Amino acid sequence: MAFTVTPRDAGVRFAVHVQPRAKRPGIDGTHGDALRVRVHAPPVEGAANAAVVAVIADALGLPTRAVRIVAGQSGRQKLVDVDGIDAPAALARLLIP
């Protein structure tokens, strides 16, 4: 399977695979059908989730309030909703070579 961005009414939804405690935070391609997001924060008390939101918002050029984790708060596999962007624009900004 390939990484896909699903359109929603207010934006898009996609899967994320998180690598906590990474040396360098950022988006690092795909992991199966999910976007691979590396974060420096440990997976403790929501720190990694907040870091994931910040990395995705920064990559998309949106405020952090536009990004929210809707499933997988306690695991590496997450489902993310992003408001204020369409699928083609999200793909272009997330998967820059």
Protein backbone atom coordinates (compact mmCIF):
# COMPACT_ATOMS: atom_id res chain seq x y z
CA MET A 1 0.00 0.00 0.00
CA ALA A 2 1.06 3.57 -0.59
CA PHE A 3 0.60 6.62 1.59
CA THR A 4 -2.79 8.19 0.93
CA VAL A 5 -4.45 11.40 2.01
CA THR A 6 -8.22 11.16 2.32
CA PRO A 7 -10.30 14.32 1.73
CA ARG A 8 -12.72 15.39 4.46
CA ASP A 9 -15.23 18.24 4.65
CA ALA A 10 -12.85 20.69 6.32
CA GLY A 11 -9.53 19.20 5.24
CA VAL A 12 -7.78 15.83 5.06
CA ARG A 13 -7.06 12.67 7.07
CA PHE A 14 -4.03 10.40 6.90
CA ALA A 15 -2.12 7.76 8.87
CA VAL A 16 1.12 8.51 10.70
CA HIS A 17 3.86 6.22 12.02
CA VAL A 18 5.77 7.94 14.83
CA GLN A 19 9.39 7.41 15.79
CA PRO A 20 9.88 8.97 19.24
CA ARG A 21 13.29 9.94 20.65
CA ALA A 22 14.72 10.57 17.19
CA LYS A 23 17.91 12.61 16.86
CA ARG A 24 16.34 14.93 14.29
CA PRO A 25 12.62 15.72 14.24
CA GLY A 26 10.81 15.93 10.91
CA ILE A 27 9.01 14.01 8.21
CA ASP A 28 11.01 11.09 6.87
CA GLY A 29 9.05 9.65 3.94
CA THR A 30 6.57 6.85 4.44
CA HIS A 31 6.26 3.66 6.47
CA GLY A 32 3.89 1.35 4.63
CA ASP A 33 0.69 3.30 4.13
CA ALA A 34 1.57 5.91 6.77
CA LEU A 35 3.63 9.08 6.86
CA ARG A 36 6.78 8.56 8.98
CA VAL A 37 7.21 11.37 11.51
CA ARG A 38 10.30 11.52 13.71
CA VAL A 39 10.11 13.46 16.97
CA HIS A 40 12.73 14.17 19.61
CA ALA A 41 10.21 13.93 22.47
CA PRO A 42 9.76 10.69 24.43
CA PRO A 43 6.38 8.95 24.38
CA VAL A 44 5.52 10.17 27.89
CA GLU A 45 2.52 12.23 29.04
CA GLY A 46 1.56 13.33 25.53
CA ALA A 47 4.93 14.90 24.71
CA ALA A 48 5.39 12.87 21.54
CA ASN A 49 1.81 13.59 20.41
CA ALA A 50 2.32 17.33 20.83
CA ALA A 51 5.58 17.07 18.89
CA VAL A 52 3.88 15.13 16.08
CA VAL A 53 1.23 17.83 15.78
CA ALA A 54 3.92 20.52 15.67
CA VAL A 55 6.00 18.73 13.00
CA ILE A 56 2.99 18.14 10.75
CA ALA A 57 1.67 21.69 11.18
CA ASP A 58 5.10 23.12 10.36
CA ALA A 59 5.45 20.94 7.25
CA LEU A 60 2.02 22.00 6.01
CA GLY A 61 2.46 25.67 6.90
CA LEU A 62 -0.58 25.62 9.17
CA PRO A 63 -1.15 26.52 12.82
CA THR A 64 -0.97 23.64 15.31
CA ARG A 65 -4.67 24.07 16.10
CA ALA A 66 -5.44 22.84 12.55
CA VAL A 67 -3.87 19.43 13.26
CA ARG A 68 -5.33 16.86 15.66
CA ILE A 69 -4.74 13.20 16.40
CA VAL A 70 -8.09 11.40 16.20
CA ALA A 71 -6.91 7.82 16.87
CA GLY A 72 -3.85 6.12 18.28
CA GLN A 73 -2.95 8.56 21.06
CA SER A 74 -1.00 5.89 22.96
CA GLY A 75 0.68 4.05 20.07
CA ARG A 76 3.08 4.65 17.22
CA GLN A 77 0.33 4.33 14.61
CA LYS A 78 -1.93 7.38 14.58
CA LEU A 79 -4.73 8.81 12.49
CA VAL A 80 -4.47 12.57 11.96
CA ASP A 81 -7.05 15.11 10.77
CA VAL A 82 -5.86 18.41 9.31
CA ASP A 83 -8.18 21.34 8.64
CA GLY A 84 -7.66 24.06 6.06
CA ILE A 85 -5.87 22.14 3.30
CA ASP A 86 -6.89 19.91 0.38
CA ALA A 87 -5.43 16.49 -0.48
CA PRO A 88 -3.21 17.52 -3.44
CA ALA A 89 -1.64 20.38 -1.46
CA ALA A 90 -1.09 18.15 1.58
CA LEU A 91 0.60 15.46 -0.50
CA ALA A 92 2.83 18.01 -2.21
CA ARG A 93 3.96 19.56 1.07
CA LEU A 94 4.42 16.31 3.00
CA LEU A 95 6.23 14.25 0.39
CA ILE A 96 8.79 16.73 -0.92
CA PRO A 97 11.81 14.71 -2.07
